[in-house]
Amino acid sequence: MTTTASVSTHILDTSLGRPARGVAVRLSARTASGADWRPLGEATTDADGRCRDLPAPPGDTAQVRLDFAVEPYLRERGEAFFPEVTVTFAVRTGEHYHVPLLLSPFGYSVYRGS
């Protein structure tokens, strides 16, 4: 099986200025816009807020989706306005995609990192 890309992520709780530990992250892929999503794997953020064992997408992947289940993490600290965060992005052969999530109780931001 050829790999189009590799994907990594981490979560930083910007309200506390530290990594978000224990957040479940699900990785899915599809071959084109509108195609069905194929689940690839799940991981939980470690003490550094990173998911270190996400699988590589298969060779026919055009888009990837990261689903962050942030509600349990945020509820432990108060209110969870956003129960989940979903980030979808396009991938190309041979590229690495590091997509961090900057999280706070009432907002979030994502970007392509390195």
PDB file of N, CA and C in Angstrom:
ATOM      1  N   MET A   1       0.853  -1.183   0.000  1.00  0.00           N
ATOM      2  CA  MET A   1       0.000   0.000   0.000  1.00  0.00           C
ATOM      3  C   MET A   1       0.894   1.239   0.000  1.00  0.00           C
ATOM      4  N   THR A   2       0.686   2.128  -0.956  1.00  0.00           N
ATOM      5  CA  THR A   2       1.429   3.385  -0.999  1.00  0.00           C
ATOM      6  C   THR A   2       0.766   4.418  -0.113  1.00  0.00           C
ATOM      7  N   THR A   3       1.554   5.356   0.333  1.00  0.00           N
ATOM      8  CA  THR A   3       1.049   6.386   1.221  1.00  0.00           C
ATOM      9  C   THR A   3       1.108   7.733   0.537  1.00  0.00           C
ATOM     10  N   THR A   4      -0.006   8.449   0.575  1.00  0.00           N
ATOM     11  CA  THR A   4      -0.028   9.779  -0.028  1.00  0.00           C
ATOM     12  C   THR A   4       0.636  10.798   0.879  1.00  0.00           C
ATOM     13  N   ALA A   5       0.514  10.591   2.155  1.00  0.00           N
ATOM     14  CA  ALA A   5       0.944  11.624   3.094  1.00  0.00           C
ATOM     15  C   ALA A   5       1.091  11.014   4.474  1.00  0.00           C
ATOM     16  N   SER A   6       1.650  11.794   5.376  1.00  0.00           N
ATOM     17  CA  SER A   6       1.624  11.432   6.788  1.00  0.00           C
ATOM     18  C   SER A   6       0.946  12.571   7.538  1.00  0.00           C
ATOM     19  N   VAL A   7       0.287  12.218   8.633  1.00  0.00           N
ATOM     20  CA  VAL A   7      -0.498  13.189   9.387  1.00  0.00           C
ATOM     21  C   VAL A   7      -0.118  13.103  10.856  1.00  0.00           C
ATOM     22  N   SER A   8       0.089  14.259  11.466  1.00  0.00           N
ATOM     23  CA  SER A   8       0.300  14.328  12.910  1.00  0.00           C
ATOM     24  C   SER A   8      -0.459  15.542  13.445  1.00  0.00           C
ATOM     25  N   THR A   9      -0.687  15.529  14.748  1.00  0.00           N
ATOM     26  CA  THR A   9      -1.415  16.630  15.372  1.00  0.00           C
ATOM     27  C   THR A   9      -1.024  16.746  16.835  1.00  0.00           C
ATOM     28  N   HIS A  10      -1.313  17.869  17.408  1.00  0.00           N
ATOM     29  CA  HIS A  10      -1.248  18.030  18.853  1.00  0.00           C
ATOM     30  C   HIS A  10      -2.257  19.107  19.246  1.00  0.00           C
ATOM     31  N   ILE A  11      -2.590  19.147  20.537  1.00  0.00           N
ATOM     32  CA  ILE A  11      -3.567  20.114  21.043  1.00  0.00           C
ATOM     33  C   ILE A  11      -2.915  20.919  22.156  1.00  0.00           C
ATOM     34  N   LEU A  12      -3.027  22.236  22.030  1.00  0.00           N
ATOM     35  CA  LEU A  12      -2.566  23.141  23.073  1.00  0.00           C
ATOM     36  C   LEU A  12      -3.778  23.854  23.654  1.00  0.00           C
ATOM     37  N   ASP A  13      -3.943  23.754  24.957  1.00  0.00           N
ATOM     38  CA  ASP A  13      -5.000  24.476  25.653  1.00  0.00           C
ATOM     39  C   ASP A  13      -4.486  25.894  25.892  1.00  0.00           C
ATOM     40  N   THR A  14      -4.950  26.827  25.065  1.00  0.00           N
ATOM     41  CA  THR A  14      -4.423  28.193  25.147  1.00  0.00           C
ATOM     42  C   THR A  14      -4.906  28.934  26.386  1.00  0.00           C
ATOM     43  N   SER A  15      -5.980  28.475  27.012  1.00  0.00           N
ATOM     44  CA  SER A  15      -6.447  29.131  28.235  1.00  0.00           C
ATOM     45  C   SER A  15      -5.550  28.800  29.423  1.00  0.00           C
ATOM     46  N   LEU A  16      -4.856  27.664  29.352  1.00  0.00           N
ATOM     47  CA  LEU A  16      -3.955  27.254  30.426  1.00  0.00           C
ATOM     48  C   LEU A  16      -2.485  27.378  30.031  1.00  0.00           C
ATOM     49  N   GLY A  17      -2.239  27.513  28.729  1.00  0.00           N
ATOM     50  CA  GLY A  17      -0.866  27.601  28.255  1.00  0.00           C
ATOM     51  C   GLY A  17      -0.115  26.292  28.351  1.00  0.00           C
ATOM     52  N   ARG A  18      -0.841  25.181  28.191  1.00  0.00           N
ATOM     53  CA  ARG A  18      -0.178  23.875  28.248  1.00  0.00           C
ATOM     54  C   ARG A  18      -0.905  22.864  27.360  1.00  0.00           C
ATOM     55  N   PRO A  19      -0.273  21.717  27.096  1.00  0.00           N
ATOM     56  CA  PRO A  19      -0.889  20.709  26.235  1.00  0.00           C
ATOM     57  C   PRO A  19      -2.175  20.146  26.829  1.00  0.00           C
ATOM     58  N   ALA A  20      -3.057  19.713  25.950  1.00  0.00           N
ATOM     59  CA  ALA A  20      -4.317  19.083  26.361  1.00  0.00           C
ATOM     60  C   ALA A  20      -4.134  17.569  26.316  1.00  0.00           C
ATOM     61  N   ARG A  21      -4.098  16.972  27.486  1.00  0.00           N
ATOM     62  CA  ARG A  21      -3.878  15.528  27.624  1.00  0.00           C
ATOM     63  C   ARG A  21      -5.210  14.782  27.653  1.00  0.00           C
ATOM     64  N   GLY A  22      -5.248  13.594  27.043  1.00  0.00           N
ATOM     65  CA  GLY A  22      -6.392  12.702  27.163  1.00  0.00           C
ATOM     66  C   GLY A  22      -7.542  12.976  26.212  1.00  0.00           C
ATOM     67  N   VAL A  23      -7.300  13.685  25.112  1.00  0.00           N
ATOM     68  CA  VAL A  23      -8.356  13.975  24.135  1.00  0.00           C
ATOM     69  C   VAL A  23      -8.318  12.909  23.035  1.00  0.00           C
ATOM     70  N   ALA A  24      -9.465  12.298  22.773  1.00  0.00           N
ATOM     71  CA  ALA A  24      -9.567  11.299  21.707  1.00  0.00           C
ATOM     72  C   ALA A  24      -9.575  11.991  20.347  1.00  0.00           C
ATOM     73  N   VAL A  25      -8.808  11.440  19.417  1.00  0.00           N
ATOM     74  CA  VAL A  25      -8.708  11.976  18.059  1.00  0.00           C
ATOM     75  C   VAL A  25      -8.941  10.823  17.082  1.00  0.00           C
ATOM     76  N   ARG A  26      -9.821  11.050  16.127  1.00  0.00           N
ATOM     77  CA  ARG A  26     -10.132  10.047  15.109  1.00  0.00           C
ATOM     78  C   ARG A  26      -9.660  10.557  13.742  1.00  0.00           C
ATOM     79  N   LEU A  27      -9.019   9.691  12.970  1.00  0.00           N
ATOM     80  CA  LEU A  27      -8.523  10.031  11.642  1.00  0.00           C
ATOM     81  C   LEU A  27      -9.321   9.266  10.597  1.00  0.00           C
ATOM     82  N   SER A  28      -9.804   9.987   9.580  1.00  0.00           N
ATOM     83  CA  SER A  28     -10.532   9.385   8.462  1.00  0.00           C
ATOM     84  C   SER A  28      -9.976   9.943   7.166  1.00  0.00           C
ATOM     85  N   ALA A  29     -10.262   9.239   6.057  1.00  0.00           N
ATOM     86  CA  ALA A  29      -9.783   9.685   4.749  1.00  0.00           C
ATOM     87  C   ALA A  29     -10.844   9.401   3.688  1.00  0.00           C
ATOM     88  N   ARG A  30     -10.757  10.145   2.595  1.00  0.00           N
ATOM     89  CA  ARG A  30     -11.613   9.875   1.438  1.00  0.00           C
ATOM     90  C   ARG A  30     -10.846  10.167   0.162  1.00  0.00           C
ATOM     91  N   THR A  31     -11.350   9.598  -0.932  1.00  0.00           N
ATOM     92  CA  THR A  31     -10.641   9.686  -2.206  1.00  0.00           C
ATOM     93  C   THR A  31     -10.936  10.967  -2.970  1.00  0.00           C
ATOM     94  N   ALA A  32     -12.055  11.641  -2.654  1.00  0.00           N
ATOM     95  CA  ALA A  32     -12.433  12.878  -3.346  1.00  0.00           C
ATOM     96  C   ALA A  32     -13.521  13.587  -2.551  1.00  0.00           C
ATOM     97  N   SER A  33     -13.758  14.851  -2.844  1.00  0.00           N
ATOM     98  CA  SER A  33     -14.867  15.580  -2.212  1.00  0.00           C
ATOM     99  C   SER A  33     -16.164  14.830  -2.476  1.00  0.00           C
ATOM    100  N   GLY A  34     -16.961  14.651  -1.461  1.00  0.00           N
ATOM    101  CA  GLY A  34     -18.238  13.970  -1.606  1.00  0.00           C
ATOM    102  C   GLY A  34     -18.162  12.461  -1.476  1.00  0.00           C
ATOM    103  N   ALA A  35     -16.977  11.879  -1.524  1.00  0.00           N
ATOM    104  CA  ALA A  35     -16.828  10.429  -1.351  1.00  0.00           C
ATOM    105  C   ALA A  35     -17.060  10.068   0.116  1.00  0.00           C
ATOM    106  N   ASP A  36     -17.314   8.805   0.367  1.00  0.00           N
ATOM    107  CA  ASP A  36     -17.512   8.341   1.744  1.00  0.00           C
ATOM    108  C   ASP A  36     -16.199   8.393   2.521  1.00  0.00           C
ATOM    109  N   TRP A  37     -16.310   8.739   3.795  1.00  0.00           N
ATOM    110  CA  TRP A  37     -15.150   8.742   4.682  1.00  0.00           C
ATOM    111  C   TRP A  37     -14.835   7.313   5.094  1.00  0.00           C
ATOM    112  N   ARG A  38     -13.550   6.979   5.129  1.00  0.00           N
ATOM    113  CA  ARG A  38     -13.079   5.683   5.621  1.00  0.00           C
ATOM    114  C   ARG A  38     -12.319   5.914   6.920  1.00  0.00           C
ATOM    115  N   PRO A  39     -12.776   5.324   8.017  1.00  0.00           N
ATOM    116  CA  PRO A  39     -12.025   5.474   9.267  1.00  0.00           C
ATOM    117  C   PRO A  39     -10.667   4.782   9.151  1.00  0.00           C
ATOM    118  N   LEU A  40      -9.638   5.460   9.628  1.00  0.00           N
ATOM    119  CA  LEU A  40      -8.285   4.905   9.564  1.00  0.00           C
ATOM    120  C   LEU A  40      -7.747   4.523  10.929  1.00  0.00           C
ATOM    121  N   GLY A  41      -8.125   5.265  11.955  1.00  0.00           N
ATOM    122  CA  GLY A  41      -7.606   4.957  13.275  1.00  0.00           C
ATOM    123  C   GLY A  41      -7.948   6.030  14.286  1.00  0.00           C
ATOM    124  N   GLU A  42      -7.649   5.711  15.533  1.00  0.00           N
ATOM    125  CA  GLU A  42      -7.908   6.623  16.646  1.00  0.00           C
ATOM    126  C   GLU A  42      -6.685   6.660  17.547  1.00  0.00           C
ATOM    127  N   ALA A  43      -6.549   7.753  18.250  1.00  0.00           N
ATOM    128  CA  ALA A  43      -5.469   7.909  19.221  1.00  0.00           C
ATOM    129  C   ALA A  43      -5.957   8.857  20.309  1.00  0.00           C
ATOM    130  N   THR A  44      -5.221   8.913  21.393  1.00  0.00           N
ATOM    131  CA  THR A  44      -5.517   9.831  22.487  1.00  0.00           C
ATOM    132  C   THR A  44      -4.271  10.666  22.752  1.00  0.00           C
ATOM    133  N   THR A  45      -4.472  11.964  22.951  1.00  0.00           N
ATOM    134  CA  THR A  45      -3.315  12.826  23.180  1.00  0.00           C
ATOM    135  C   THR A  45      -2.581  12.430  24.458  1.00  0.00           C
ATOM    136  N   ASP A  46      -1.267  12.476  24.384  1.00  0.00           N
ATOM    137  CA  ASP A  46      -0.422  12.127  25.520  1.00  0.00           C
ATOM    138  C   ASP A  46      -0.175  13.350  26.406  1.00  0.00           C
ATOM    139  N   ALA A  47       0.736  13.236  27.345  1.00  0.00           N
ATOM    140  CA  ALA A  47       1.024  14.327  28.282  1.00  0.00           C
ATOM    141  C   ALA A  47       1.530  15.581  27.574  1.00  0.00           C
ATOM    142  N   ASP A  48       2.082  15.413  26.372  1.00  0.00           N
ATOM    143  CA  ASP A  48       2.566  16.546  25.584  1.00  0.00           C
ATOM    144  C   ASP A  48       1.493  17.036  24.603  1.00  0.00           C
ATOM    145  N   GLY A  49       0.267  16.492  24.708  1.00  0.00           N
ATOM    146  CA  GLY A  49      -0.835  16.888  23.840  1.00  0.00           C
ATOM    147  C   GLY A  49      -0.733  16.325  22.433  1.00  0.00           C
ATOM    148  N   ARG A  50       0.137  15.341  22.219  1.00  0.00           N
ATOM    149  CA  ARG A  50       0.387  14.807  20.875  1.00  0.00           C
ATOM    150  C   ARG A  50      -0.227  13.421  20.687  1.00  0.00           C
ATOM    151  N   CYS A  51      -0.630  13.164  19.443  1.00  0.00           N
ATOM    152  CA  CYS A  51      -1.033  11.828  19.007  1.00  0.00           C
ATOM    153  C   CYS A  51       0.131  11.285  18.203  1.00  0.00           C
ATOM    154  N   ARG A  52       0.818  10.331  18.750  1.00  0.00           N
ATOM    155  CA  ARG A  52       2.049   9.854  18.119  1.00  0.00           C
ATOM    156  C   ARG A  52       1.840   8.621  17.237  1.00  0.00           C
ATOM    157  N   ASP A  53       0.658   8.037  17.232  1.00  0.00           N
ATOM    158  CA  ASP A  53       0.493   6.783  16.501  1.00  0.00           C
ATOM    159  C   ASP A  53      -0.664   6.794  15.505  1.00  0.00           C
ATOM    160  N   LEU A  54      -0.909   7.930  14.862  1.00  0.00           N
ATOM    161  CA  LEU A  54      -1.933   7.970  13.817  1.00  0.00           C
ATOM    162  C   LEU A  54      -1.401   7.238  12.580  1.00  0.00           C
ATOM    163  N   PRO A  55      -2.239   6.410  11.939  1.00  0.00           N
ATOM    164  CA  PRO A  55      -1.771   5.678  10.759  1.00  0.00           C
ATOM    165  C   PRO A  55      -1.627   6.581   9.542  1.00  0.00           C
ATOM    166  N   ALA A  56      -0.822   6.152   8.605  1.00  0.00           N
ATOM    167  CA  ALA A  56      -0.669   6.886   7.344  1.00  0.00           C
ATOM    168  C   ALA A  56      -1.896   6.624   6.469  1.00  0.00           C
ATOM    169  N   PRO A  57      -2.382   7.640   5.773  1.00  0.00           N
ATOM    170  CA  PRO A  57      -3.509   7.442   4.861  1.00  0.00           C
ATOM    171  C   PRO A  57      -3.107   6.547   3.683  1.00  0.00           C
ATOM    172  N   PRO A  58      -4.058   5.793   3.122  1.00  0.00           N
ATOM    173  CA  PRO A  58      -3.746   4.971   1.952  1.00  0.00           C
ATOM    174  C   PRO A  58      -3.421   5.819   0.720  1.00  0.00           C
ATOM    175  N   GLY A  59      -2.872   5.185  -0.289  1.00  0.00           N
ATOM    176  CA  GLY A  59      -2.366   5.871  -1.473  1.00  0.00           C
ATOM    177  C   GLY A  59      -3.382   6.647  -2.281  1.00  0.00           C
ATOM    178  N   ASP A  60      -4.656   6.289  -2.192  1.00  0.00           N
ATOM    179  CA  ASP A  60      -5.673   6.980  -2.999  1.00  0.00           C
ATOM    180  C   ASP A  60      -6.347   8.133  -2.253  1.00  0.00           C
ATOM    181  N   THR A  61      -5.777   8.542  -1.145  1.00  0.00           N
ATOM    182  CA  THR A  61      -6.378   9.588  -0.317  1.00  0.00           C
ATOM    183  C   THR A  61      -6.216  10.968  -0.950  1.00  0.00           C
ATOM    184  N   ALA A  62      -7.318  11.726  -0.982  1.00  0.00           N
ATOM    185  CA  ALA A  62      -7.296  13.113  -1.462  1.00  0.00           C
ATOM    186  C   ALA A  62      -7.566  14.088  -0.329  1.00  0.00           C
ATOM    187  N   GLN A  63      -8.360  13.645   0.656  1.00  0.00           N
ATOM    188  CA  GLN A  63      -8.707  14.498   1.794  1.00  0.00           C
ATOM    189  C   GLN A  63      -8.666  13.684   3.077  1.00  0.00           C
ATOM    190  N   VAL A  64      -8.321  14.373   4.146  1.00  0.00           N
ATOM    191  CA  VAL A  64      -8.213  13.767   5.467  1.00  0.00           C
ATOM    192  C   VAL A  64      -9.062  14.569   6.434  1.00  0.00           C
ATOM    193  N   ARG A  65      -9.598  13.872   7.428  1.00  0.00           N
ATOM    194  CA  ARG A  65     -10.398  14.530   8.465  1.00  0.00           C
ATOM    195  C   ARG A  65      -9.890  14.095   9.833  1.00  0.00           C
ATOM    196  N   LEU A  66      -9.685  15.067  10.703  1.00  0.00           N
ATOM    197  CA  LEU A  66      -9.371  14.821  12.111  1.00  0.00           C
ATOM    198  C   LEU A  66     -10.577  15.238  12.933  1.00  0.00           C
ATOM    199  N   ASP A  67     -11.087  14.315  13.746  1.00  0.00           N
ATOM    200  CA  ASP A  67     -12.199  14.601  14.660  1.00  0.00           C
ATOM    201  C   ASP A  67     -11.653  14.588  16.077  1.00  0.00           C
ATOM    202  N   PHE A  68     -11.721  15.737  16.728  1.00  0.00           N
ATOM    203  CA  PHE A  68     -11.236  15.887  18.102  1.00  0.00           C
ATOM    204  C   PHE A  68     -12.436  15.870  19.054  1.00  0.00           C
ATOM    205  N   ALA A  69     -12.505  14.909  19.945  1.00  0.00           N
ATOM    206  CA  ALA A  69     -13.594  14.814  20.930  1.00  0.00           C
ATOM    207  C   ALA A  69     -13.196  15.626  22.163  1.00  0.00           C
ATOM    208  N   VAL A  70     -13.402  16.932  22.113  1.00  0.00           N
ATOM    209  CA  VAL A  70     -12.897  17.830  23.152  1.00  0.00           C
ATOM    210  C   VAL A  70     -13.844  18.010  24.337  1.00  0.00           C
ATOM    211  N   GLU A  71     -15.092  17.579  24.222  1.00  0.00           N
ATOM    212  CA  GLU A  71     -16.068  17.824  25.288  1.00  0.00           C
ATOM    213  C   GLU A  71     -15.634  17.285  26.650  1.00  0.00           C
ATOM    214  N   PRO A  72     -15.218  16.021  26.774  1.00  0.00           N
ATOM    215  CA  PRO A  72     -14.807  15.542  28.107  1.00  0.00           C
ATOM    216  C   PRO A  72     -13.660  16.364  28.710  1.00  0.00           C
ATOM    217  N   TYR A  73     -12.688  16.711  27.880  1.00  0.00           N
ATOM    218  CA  TYR A  73     -11.557  17.512  28.350  1.00  0.00           C
ATOM    219  C   TYR A  73     -12.031  18.876  28.851  1.00  0.00           C
ATOM    220  N   LEU A  74     -12.852  19.567  28.062  1.00  0.00           N
ATOM    221  CA  LEU A  74     -13.317  20.903  28.442  1.00  0.00           C
ATOM    222  C   LEU A  74     -14.262  20.865  29.639  1.00  0.00           C
ATOM    223  N   ARG A  75     -15.112  19.848  29.736  1.00  0.00           N
ATOM    224  CA  ARG A  75     -16.047  19.741  30.870  1.00  0.00           C
ATOM    225  C   ARG A  75     -15.301  19.614  32.198  1.00  0.00           C
ATOM    226  N   GLU A  76     -14.167  18.941  32.189  1.00  0.00           N
ATOM    227  CA  GLU A  76     -13.363  18.818  33.416  1.00  0.00           C
ATOM    228  C   GLU A  76     -12.889  20.179  33.912  1.00  0.00           C
ATOM    229  N   ARG A  77     -12.817  21.144  33.001  1.00  0.00           N
ATOM    230  CA  ARG A  77     -12.310  22.475  33.331  1.00  0.00           C
ATOM    231  C   ARG A  77     -13.391  23.534  33.366  1.00  0.00           C
ATOM    232  N   GLY A  78     -14.652  23.111  33.209  1.00  0.00           N
ATOM    233  CA  GLY A  78     -15.756  24.065  33.207  1.00  0.00           C
ATOM    234  C   GLY A  78     -16.740  23.753  32.103  1.00  0.00           C
ATOM    235  N   GLU A  79     -17.000  24.709  31.268  1.00  0.00           N
ATOM    236  CA  GLU A  79     -17.990  24.572  30.207  1.00  0.00           C
ATOM    237  C   GLU A  79     -17.371  24.100  28.898  1.00  0.00           C
ATOM    238  N   ALA A  80     -18.148  23.301  28.157  1.00  0.00           N
ATOM    239  CA  ALA A  80     -17.706  22.817  26.849  1.00  0.00           C
ATOM    240  C   ALA A  80     -18.636  23.372  25.784  1.00  0.00           C
ATOM    241  N   PHE A  81     -18.345  24.554  25.295  1.00  0.00           N
ATOM    242  CA  PHE A  81     -19.164  25.166  24.253  1.00  0.00           C
ATOM    243  C   PHE A  81     -19.077  24.368  22.956  1.00  0.00           C
ATOM    244  N   PHE A  82     -17.860  23.937  22.596  1.00  0.00           N
ATOM    245  CA  PHE A  82     -17.651  23.102  21.422  1.00  0.00           C
ATOM    246  C   PHE A  82     -17.448  21.659  21.891  1.00  0.00           C
ATOM    247  N   PRO A  83     -18.411  20.761  21.667  1.00  0.00           N
ATOM    248  CA  PRO A  83     -18.237  19.375  22.107  1.00  0.00           C
ATOM    249  C   PRO A  83     -17.256  18.596  21.237  1.00  0.00           C
ATOM    250  N   GLU A  84     -17.098  19.028  20.004  1.00  0.00           N
ATOM    251  CA  GLU A  84     -16.135  18.385  19.117  1.00  0.00           C
ATOM    252  C   GLU A  84     -15.639  19.386  18.094  1.00  0.00           C
ATOM    253  N   VAL A  85     -14.474  19.105  17.564  1.00  0.00           N
ATOM    254  CA  VAL A  85     -13.884  19.936  16.520  1.00  0.00           C
ATOM    255  C   VAL A  85     -13.510  18.995  15.373  1.00  0.00           C
ATOM    256  N   THR A  86     -13.942  19.337  14.171  1.00  0.00           N
ATOM    257  CA  THR A  86     -13.615  18.552  12.984  1.00  0.00           C
ATOM    258  C   THR A  86     -12.829  19.421  12.019  1.00  0.00           C
ATOM    259  N   VAL A  87     -11.711  18.894  11.567  1.00  0.00           N
ATOM    260  CA  VAL A  87     -10.851  19.615  10.639  1.00  0.00           C
ATOM    261  C   VAL A  87     -10.651  18.725   9.407  1.00  0.00           C
ATOM    262  N   THR A  88     -10.990  19.261   8.244  1.00  0.00           N
ATOM    263  CA  THR A  88     -10.835  18.538   6.977  1.00  0.00           C
ATOM    264  C   THR A  88      -9.844  19.285   6.108  1.00  0.00           C
ATOM    265  N   PHE A  89      -8.922  18.548   5.487  1.00  0.00           N
ATOM    266  CA  PHE A  89      -7.930  19.193   4.640  1.00  0.00           C
ATOM    267  C   PHE A  89      -7.502  18.269   3.502  1.00  0.00           C
ATOM    268  N   ALA A  90      -7.024  18.889   2.431  1.00  0.00           N
ATOM    269  CA  ALA A  90      -6.547  18.156   1.258  1.00  0.00           C
ATOM    270  C   ALA A  90      -5.107  17.717   1.479  1.00  0.00           C
ATOM    271  N   VAL A  91      -4.753  16.562   0.909  1.00  0.00           N
ATOM    272  CA  VAL A  91      -3.384  16.058   1.012  1.00  0.00           C
ATOM    273  C   VAL A  91      -2.839  15.739  -0.376  1.00  0.00           C
ATOM    274  N   ARG A  92      -1.507  15.777  -0.470  1.00  0.00           N
ATOM    275  CA  ARG A  92      -0.817  15.436  -1.712  1.00  0.00           C
ATOM    276  C   ARG A  92       0.274  14.409  -1.429  1.00  0.00           C
ATOM    277  N   THR A  93       0.585  13.637  -2.422  1.00  0.00           N
ATOM    278  CA  THR A  93       1.587  12.582  -2.327  1.00  0.00           C
ATOM    279  C   THR A  93       2.910  13.107  -1.779  1.00  0.00           C
ATOM    280  N   GLY A  94       3.438  12.374  -0.807  1.00  0.00           N
ATOM    281  CA  GLY A  94       4.762  12.676  -0.290  1.00  0.00           C
ATOM    282  C   GLY A  94       4.848  13.798   0.725  1.00  0.00           C
ATOM    283  N   GLU A  95       3.744  14.438   1.049  1.00  0.00           N
ATOM    284  CA  GLU A  95       3.765  15.563   1.997  1.00  0.00           C
ATOM    285  C   GLU A  95       3.482  15.079   3.425  1.00  0.00           C
ATOM    286  N   HIS A  96       4.042  15.808   4.383  1.00  0.00           N
ATOM    287  CA  HIS A  96       3.689  15.587   5.790  1.00  0.00           C
ATOM    288  C   HIS A  96       2.783  16.732   6.221  1.00  0.00           C
ATOM    289  N   TYR A  97       1.729  16.401   6.935  1.00  0.00           N
ATOM    290  CA  TYR A  97       0.764  17.403   7.400  1.00  0.00           C
ATOM    291  C   TYR A  97       0.693  17.345   8.919  1.00  0.00           C
ATOM    292  N   HIS A  98       1.213  18.391   9.562  1.00  0.00           N
ATOM    293  CA  HIS A  98       1.081  18.529  11.008  1.00  0.00           C
ATOM    294  C   HIS A  98       0.025  19.605  11.229  1.00  0.00           C
ATOM    295  N   VAL A  99      -1.082  19.233  11.863  1.00  0.00           N
ATOM    296  CA  VAL A  99      -2.227  20.135  12.014  1.00  0.00           C
ATOM    297  C   VAL A  99      -2.539  20.288  13.503  1.00  0.00           C
ATOM    298  N   PRO A 100      -1.955  21.298  14.157  1.00  0.00           N
ATOM    299  CA  PRO A 100      -2.214  21.541  15.568  1.00  0.00           C
ATOM    300  C   PRO A 100      -3.590  22.184  15.792  1.00  0.00           C
ATOM    301  N   LEU A 101      -4.167  21.878  16.932  1.00  0.00           N
ATOM    302  CA  LEU A 101      -5.416  22.493  17.381  1.00  0.00           C
ATOM    303  C   LEU A 101      -5.094  23.350  18.599  1.00  0.00           C
ATOM    304  N   LEU A 102      -5.373  24.643  18.499  1.00  0.00           N
ATOM    305  CA  LEU A 102      -5.247  25.561  19.634  1.00  0.00           C
ATOM    306  C   LEU A 102      -6.646  25.700  20.209  1.00  0.00           C
ATOM    307  N   LEU A 103      -6.826  25.274  21.441  1.00  0.00           N
ATOM    308  CA  LEU A 103      -8.150  25.132  22.039  1.00  0.00           C
ATOM    309  C   LEU A 103      -8.318  26.010  23.262  1.00  0.00           C
ATOM    310  N   SER A 104      -9.491  26.619  23.384  1.00  0.00           N
ATOM    311  CA  SER A 104      -9.888  27.320  24.603  1.00  0.00           C
ATOM    312  C   SER A 104     -11.368  27.014  24.831  1.00  0.00           C
ATOM    313  N   PRO A 105     -11.929  27.346  25.985  1.00  0.00           N
ATOM    314  CA  PRO A 105     -13.316  26.982  26.263  1.00  0.00           C
ATOM    315  C   PRO A 105     -14.334  27.526  25.253  1.00  0.00           C
ATOM    316  N   PHE A 106     -14.060  28.658  24.635  1.00  0.00           N
ATOM    317  CA  PHE A 106     -15.046  29.253  23.733  1.00  0.00           C
ATOM    318  C   PHE A 106     -14.500  29.535  22.340  1.00  0.00           C
ATOM    319  N   GLY A 107     -13.423  28.877  21.970  1.00  0.00           N
ATOM    320  CA  GLY A 107     -12.875  29.061  20.641  1.00  0.00           C
ATOM    321  C   GLY A 107     -11.776  28.078  20.332  1.00  0.00           C
ATOM    322  N   TYR A 108     -11.446  27.993  19.070  1.00  0.00           N
ATOM    323  CA  TYR A 108     -10.336  27.159  18.645  1.00  0.00           C
ATOM    324  C   TYR A 108      -9.780  27.677  17.321  1.00  0.00           C
ATOM    325  N   SER A 109      -8.570  27.252  17.028  1.00  0.00           N
ATOM    326  CA  SER A 109      -7.918  27.620  15.786  1.00  0.00           C
ATOM    327  C   SER A 109      -7.056  26.431  15.355  1.00  0.00           C
ATOM    328  N   VAL A 110      -6.900  26.287  14.052  1.00  0.00           N
ATOM    329  CA  VAL A 110      -6.028  25.238  13.517  1.00  0.00           C
ATOM    330  C   VAL A 110      -5.145  25.864  12.430  1.00  0.00           C
ATOM    331  N   TYR A 111      -4.038  25.204  12.149  1.00  0.00           N
ATOM    332  CA  TYR A 111      -3.166  25.671  11.098  1.00  0.00           C
ATOM    333  C   TYR A 111      -2.304  24.512  10.626  1.00  0.00           C
ATOM    334  N   ARG A 112      -1.696  24.665   9.462  1.00  0.00           N
ATOM    335  CA  ARG A 112      -0.744  23.658   9.014  1.00  0.00           C
ATOM    336  C   ARG A 112       0.614  24.010   9.584  1.00  0.00           C
ATOM    337  N   GLY A 113       1.087  23.151  10.440  1.00  0.00           N
ATOM    338  CA  GLY A 113       2.388  23.362  11.057  1.00  0.00           C
ATOM    339  C   GLY A 113       3.477  22.648  10.283  1.00  0.00           C
ATOM    340  N   SER A 114       4.590  22.403  10.951  1.00  0.00           N
ATOM    341  CA  SER A 114       5.693  21.705  10.293  1.00  0.00           C
ATOM    342  C   SER A 114       6.154  20.543  11.139  1.00  0.00           C
TER     343      SER A 114
END
